[in-house]
Amino acid sequence: MRRGSKADELLSLLFMVMAVASGVCYFAFGPKVFFIVGGIAVLMRIVHYILRFF
């Protein structure tokens, strides 16, 4: 995956949305949901970097 491609931009946008959603979940539902949504966001970002590397 090249930097600036549509897939790269989509994965970056998804990470940003999930990061904001985790912050909202912290105040709305508590820390358990925050860690679940935040963990998924971090895993998506790690996959994004791995795909960009290869």
PDB file of N, CA and C in Angstrom:
ATOM      1  N   MET A   1       0.841  -1.161   0.000  1.00  0.00           N
ATOM      2  CA  MET A   1       0.000   0.000   0.000  1.00  0.00           C
ATOM      3  C   MET A   1       0.895   1.236   0.000  1.00  0.00           C
ATOM      4  N   ARG A   2       0.590   2.135  -0.879  1.00  0.00           N
ATOM      5  CA  ARG A   2       1.378   3.352  -0.953  1.00  0.00           C
ATOM      6  C   ARG A   2       0.732   4.459  -0.137  1.00  0.00           C
ATOM      7  N   ARG A   3       1.565   5.340   0.350  1.00  0.00           N
ATOM      8  CA  ARG A   3       1.089   6.493   1.099  1.00  0.00           C
ATOM      9  C   ARG A   3       0.289   7.392   0.163  1.00  0.00           C
ATOM     10  N   GLY A   4      -0.893   7.792   0.592  1.00  0.00           N
ATOM     11  CA  GLY A   4      -1.738   8.662  -0.212  1.00  0.00           C
ATOM     12  C   GLY A   4      -2.757   7.922  -1.061  1.00  0.00           C
ATOM     13  N   SER A   5      -2.715   6.594  -1.063  1.00  0.00           N
ATOM     14  CA  SER A   5      -3.698   5.840  -1.837  1.00  0.00           C
ATOM     15  C   SER A   5      -5.056   5.881  -1.135  1.00  0.00           C
ATOM     16  N   LYS A   6      -6.073   5.472  -1.843  1.00  0.00           N
ATOM     17  CA  LYS A   6      -7.434   5.502  -1.280  1.00  0.00           C
ATOM     18  C   LYS A   6      -7.552   4.581  -0.072  1.00  0.00           C
ATOM     19  N   ALA A   7      -6.938   3.403  -0.144  1.00  0.00           N
ATOM     20  CA  ALA A   7      -7.003   2.467   0.983  1.00  0.00           C
ATOM     21  C   ALA A   7      -6.267   3.043   2.197  1.00  0.00           C
ATOM     22  N   ASP A   8      -5.164   3.715   1.964  1.00  0.00           N
ATOM     23  CA  ASP A   8      -4.403   4.336   3.048  1.00  0.00           C
ATOM     24  C   ASP A   8      -5.227   5.426   3.725  1.00  0.00           C
ATOM     25  N   GLU A   9      -5.873   6.248   2.922  1.00  0.00           N
ATOM     26  CA  GLU A   9      -6.707   7.314   3.473  1.00  0.00           C
ATOM     27  C   GLU A   9      -7.914   6.755   4.213  1.00  0.00           C
ATOM     28  N   LEU A  10      -8.506   5.690   3.690  1.00  0.00           N
ATOM     29  CA  LEU A  10      -9.662   5.074   4.334  1.00  0.00           C
ATOM     30  C   LEU A  10      -9.290   4.486   5.689  1.00  0.00           C
ATOM     31  N   LEU A  11      -8.165   3.793   5.771  1.00  0.00           N
ATOM     32  CA  LEU A  11      -7.736   3.219   7.043  1.00  0.00           C
ATOM     33  C   LEU A  11      -7.380   4.304   8.058  1.00  0.00           C
ATOM     34  N   SER A  12      -6.804   5.393   7.597  1.00  0.00           N
ATOM     35  CA  SER A  12      -6.500   6.507   8.497  1.00  0.00           C
ATOM     36  C   SER A  12      -7.781   7.149   9.022  1.00  0.00           C
ATOM     37  N   LEU A  13      -8.746   7.317   8.139  1.00  0.00           N
ATOM     38  CA  LEU A  13     -10.026   7.889   8.545  1.00  0.00           C
ATOM     39  C   LEU A  13     -10.752   6.979   9.529  1.00  0.00           C
ATOM     40  N   LEU A  14     -10.732   5.679   9.275  1.00  0.00           N
ATOM     41  CA  LEU A  14     -11.368   4.728  10.188  1.00  0.00           C
ATOM     42  C   LEU A  14     -10.717   4.768  11.567  1.00  0.00           C
ATOM     43  N   PHE A  15      -9.393   4.885  11.609  1.00  0.00           N
ATOM     44  CA  PHE A  15      -8.708   4.971  12.892  1.00  0.00           C
ATOM     45  C   PHE A  15      -9.121   6.230  13.646  1.00  0.00           C
ATOM     46  N   MET A  16      -9.181   7.346  12.948  1.00  0.00           N
ATOM     47  CA  MET A  16      -9.554   8.595  13.611  1.00  0.00           C
ATOM     48  C   MET A  16     -10.978   8.545  14.150  1.00  0.00           C
ATOM     49  N   VAL A  17     -11.885   7.955  13.385  1.00  0.00           N
ATOM     50  CA  VAL A  17     -13.276   7.829  13.836  1.00  0.00           C
ATOM     51  C   VAL A  17     -13.351   6.913  15.057  1.00  0.00           C
ATOM     52  N   MET A  18     -12.622   5.810  15.025  1.00  0.00           N
ATOM     53  CA  MET A  18     -12.636   4.888  16.163  1.00  0.00           C
ATOM     54  C   MET A  18     -12.004   5.523  17.402  1.00  0.00           C
ATOM     55  N   ALA A  19     -10.971   6.349  17.215  1.00  0.00           N
ATOM     56  CA  ALA A  19     -10.343   7.017  18.347  1.00  0.00           C
ATOM     57  C   ALA A  19     -11.310   8.002  18.997  1.00  0.00           C
ATOM     58  N   VAL A  20     -12.028   8.757  18.200  1.00  0.00           N
ATOM     59  CA  VAL A  20     -13.024   9.687  18.742  1.00  0.00           C
ATOM     60  C   VAL A  20     -14.166   8.915  19.391  1.00  0.00           C
ATOM     61  N   ALA A  21     -14.580   7.825  18.759  1.00  0.00           N
ATOM     62  CA  ALA A  21     -15.663   7.017  19.317  1.00  0.00           C
ATOM     63  C   ALA A  21     -15.264   6.407  20.663  1.00  0.00           C
ATOM     64  N   SER A  22     -14.007   6.036  20.809  1.00  0.00           N
ATOM     65  CA  SER A  22     -13.577   5.476  22.090  1.00  0.00           C
ATOM     66  C   SER A  22     -13.624   6.535  23.183  1.00  0.00           C
ATOM     67  N   GLY A  23     -13.272   7.768  22.849  1.00  0.00           N
ATOM     68  CA  GLY A  23     -13.372   8.848  23.828  1.00  0.00           C
ATOM     69  C   GLY A  23     -14.801   9.112  24.241  1.00  0.00           C
ATOM     70  N   VAL A  24     -15.709   9.069  23.293  1.00  0.00           N
ATOM     71  CA  VAL A  24     -17.130   9.259  23.601  1.00  0.00           C
ATOM     72  C   VAL A  24     -17.646   8.095  24.436  1.00  0.00           C
ATOM     73  N   CYS A  25     -17.217   6.890  24.111  1.00  0.00           N
ATOM     74  CA  CYS A  25     -17.652   5.712  24.860  1.00  0.00           C
ATOM     75  C   CYS A  25     -17.174   5.748  26.303  1.00  0.00           C
ATOM     76  N   TYR A  26     -16.025   6.359  26.538  1.00  0.00           N
ATOM     77  CA  TYR A  26     -15.520   6.442  27.907  1.00  0.00           C
ATOM     78  C   TYR A  26     -16.486   7.212  28.799  1.00  0.00           C
ATOM     79  N   PHE A  27     -16.989   8.319  28.292  1.00  0.00           N
ATOM     80  CA  PHE A  27     -17.891   9.139  29.100  1.00  0.00           C
ATOM     81  C   PHE A  27     -19.328   8.624  29.069  1.00  0.00           C
ATOM     82  N   ALA A  28     -19.720   7.948  27.995  1.00  0.00           N
ATOM     83  CA  ALA A  28     -21.097   7.482  27.870  1.00  0.00           C
ATOM     84  C   ALA A  28     -21.318   6.119  28.526  1.00  0.00           C
ATOM     85  N   PHE A  29     -20.354   5.195  28.370  1.00  0.00           N
ATOM     86  CA  PHE A  29     -20.580   3.819  28.814  1.00  0.00           C
ATOM     87  C   PHE A  29     -19.621   3.329  29.883  1.00  0.00           C
ATOM     88  N   GLY A  30     -18.506   4.009  30.067  1.00  0.00           N
ATOM     89  CA  GLY A  30     -17.552   3.590  31.082  1.00  0.00           C
ATOM     90  C   GLY A  30     -16.267   3.068  30.485  1.00  0.00           C
ATOM     91  N   PRO A  31     -15.317   2.760  31.343  1.00  0.00           N
ATOM     92  CA  PRO A  31     -13.982   2.392  30.854  1.00  0.00           C
ATOM     93  C   PRO A  31     -13.908   1.044  30.138  1.00  0.00           C
ATOM     94  N   LYS A  32     -14.800   0.116  30.438  1.00  0.00           N
ATOM     95  CA  LYS A  32     -14.727  -1.200  29.794  1.00  0.00           C
ATOM     96  C   LYS A  32     -14.951  -1.080  28.282  1.00  0.00           C
ATOM     97  N   VAL A  33     -15.989  -0.355  27.888  1.00  0.00           N
ATOM     98  CA  VAL A  33     -16.272  -0.166  26.465  1.00  0.00           C
ATOM     99  C   VAL A  33     -15.175   0.682  25.818  1.00  0.00           C
ATOM    100  N   PHE A  34     -14.654   1.648  26.567  1.00  0.00           N
ATOM    101  CA  PHE A  34     -13.558   2.482  26.074  1.00  0.00           C
ATOM    102  C   PHE A  34     -12.360   1.627  25.695  1.00  0.00           C
ATOM    103  N   PHE A  35     -11.981   0.678  26.561  1.00  0.00           N
ATOM    104  CA  PHE A  35     -10.828  -0.167  26.268  1.00  0.00           C
ATOM    105  C   PHE A  35     -11.083  -1.095  25.090  1.00  0.00           C
ATOM    106  N   ILE A  36     -12.305  -1.564  24.935  1.00  0.00           N
ATOM    107  CA  ILE A  36     -12.623  -2.442  23.805  1.00  0.00           C
ATOM    108  C   ILE A  36     -12.525  -1.675  22.493  1.00  0.00           C
ATOM    109  N   VAL A  37     -13.208  -0.527  22.419  1.00  0.00           N
ATOM    110  CA  VAL A  37     -13.204   0.259  21.184  1.00  0.00           C
ATOM    111  C   VAL A  37     -11.806   0.827  20.915  1.00  0.00           C
ATOM    112  N   GLY A  38     -11.139   1.304  21.944  1.00  0.00           N
ATOM    113  CA  GLY A  38      -9.780   1.817  21.780  1.00  0.00           C
ATOM    114  C   GLY A  38      -8.803   0.734  21.351  1.00  0.00           C
ATOM    115  N   GLY A  39      -8.964  -0.466  21.897  1.00  0.00           N
ATOM    116  CA  GLY A  39      -8.107  -1.582  21.498  1.00  0.00           C
ATOM    117  C   GLY A  39      -8.297  -1.962  20.048  1.00  0.00           C
ATOM    118  N   ILE A  40      -9.533  -1.949  19.595  1.00  0.00           N
ATOM    119  CA  ILE A  40      -9.800  -2.235  18.182  1.00  0.00           C
ATOM    120  C   ILE A  40      -9.170  -1.165  17.305  1.00  0.00           C
ATOM    121  N   ALA A  41      -9.258   0.095  17.730  1.00  0.00           N
ATOM    122  CA  ALA A  41      -8.652   1.189  16.966  1.00  0.00           C
ATOM    123  C   ALA A  41      -7.135   1.029  16.882  1.00  0.00           C
ATOM    124  N   VAL A  42      -6.508   0.668  17.978  1.00  0.00           N
ATOM    125  CA  VAL A  42      -5.050   0.475  17.979  1.00  0.00           C
ATOM    126  C   VAL A  42      -4.663  -0.711  17.100  1.00  0.00           C
ATOM    127  N   LEU A  43      -5.413  -1.797  17.157  1.00  0.00           N
ATOM    128  CA  LEU A  43      -5.125  -2.950  16.296  1.00  0.00           C
ATOM    129  C   LEU A  43      -5.277  -2.595  14.818  1.00  0.00           C
ATOM    130  N   MET A  44      -6.306  -1.799  14.501  1.00  0.00           N
ATOM    131  CA  MET A  44      -6.465  -1.356  13.112  1.00  0.00           C
ATOM    132  C   MET A  44      -5.271  -0.526  12.671  1.00  0.00           C
ATOM    133  N   ARG A  45      -4.752   0.329  13.554  1.00  0.00           N
ATOM    134  CA  ARG A  45      -3.607   1.164  13.205  1.00  0.00           C
ATOM    135  C   ARG A  45      -2.360   0.318  13.004  1.00  0.00           C
ATOM    136  N   ILE A  46      -2.171  -0.705  13.818  1.00  0.00           N
ATOM    137  CA  ILE A  46      -1.019  -1.593  13.654  1.00  0.00           C
ATOM    138  C   ILE A  46      -1.096  -2.323  12.318  1.00  0.00           C
ATOM    139  N   VAL A  47      -2.278  -2.819  11.967  1.00  0.00           N
ATOM    140  CA  VAL A  47      -2.468  -3.484  10.672  1.00  0.00           C
ATOM    141  C   VAL A  47      -2.194  -2.497   9.546  1.00  0.00           C
ATOM    142  N   HIS A  48      -2.615  -1.259   9.706  1.00  0.00           N
ATOM    143  CA  HIS A  48      -2.378  -0.229   8.700  1.00  0.00           C
ATOM    144  C   HIS A  48      -0.875  -0.041   8.476  1.00  0.00           C
ATOM    145  N   TYR A  49      -0.104   0.049   9.532  1.00  0.00           N
ATOM    146  CA  TYR A  49       1.335   0.222   9.397  1.00  0.00           C
ATOM    147  C   TYR A  49       1.987  -1.020   8.781  1.00  0.00           C
ATOM    148  N   ILE A  50       1.513  -2.207   9.135  1.00  0.00           N
ATOM    149  CA  ILE A  50       2.070  -3.425   8.555  1.00  0.00           C
ATOM    150  C   ILE A  50       1.785  -3.472   7.054  1.00  0.00           C
ATOM    151  N   LEU A  51       0.558  -3.114   6.667  1.00  0.00           N
ATOM    152  CA  LEU A  51       0.236  -3.112   5.231  1.00  0.00           C
ATOM    153  C   LEU A  51       1.038  -2.049   4.484  1.00  0.00           C
ATOM    154  N   ARG A  52       1.303  -0.937   5.113  1.00  0.00           N
ATOM    155  CA  ARG A  52       2.088   0.109   4.466  1.00  0.00           C
ATOM    156  C   ARG A  52       3.552  -0.325   4.330  1.00  0.00           C
ATOM    157  N   PHE A  53       4.042  -1.089   5.291  1.00  0.00           N
ATOM    158  CA  PHE A  53       5.424  -1.526   5.257  1.00  0.00           C
ATOM    159  C   PHE A  53       5.664  -2.542   4.154  1.00  0.00           C
ATOM    160  N   PHE A  54       4.728  -3.466   3.948  1.00  0.00           N
ATOM    161  CA  PHE A  54       4.899  -4.513   2.944  1.00  0.00           C
ATOM    162  C   PHE A  54       4.234  -4.118   1.700  1.00  0.00           C
TER     163      PHE A  54
END
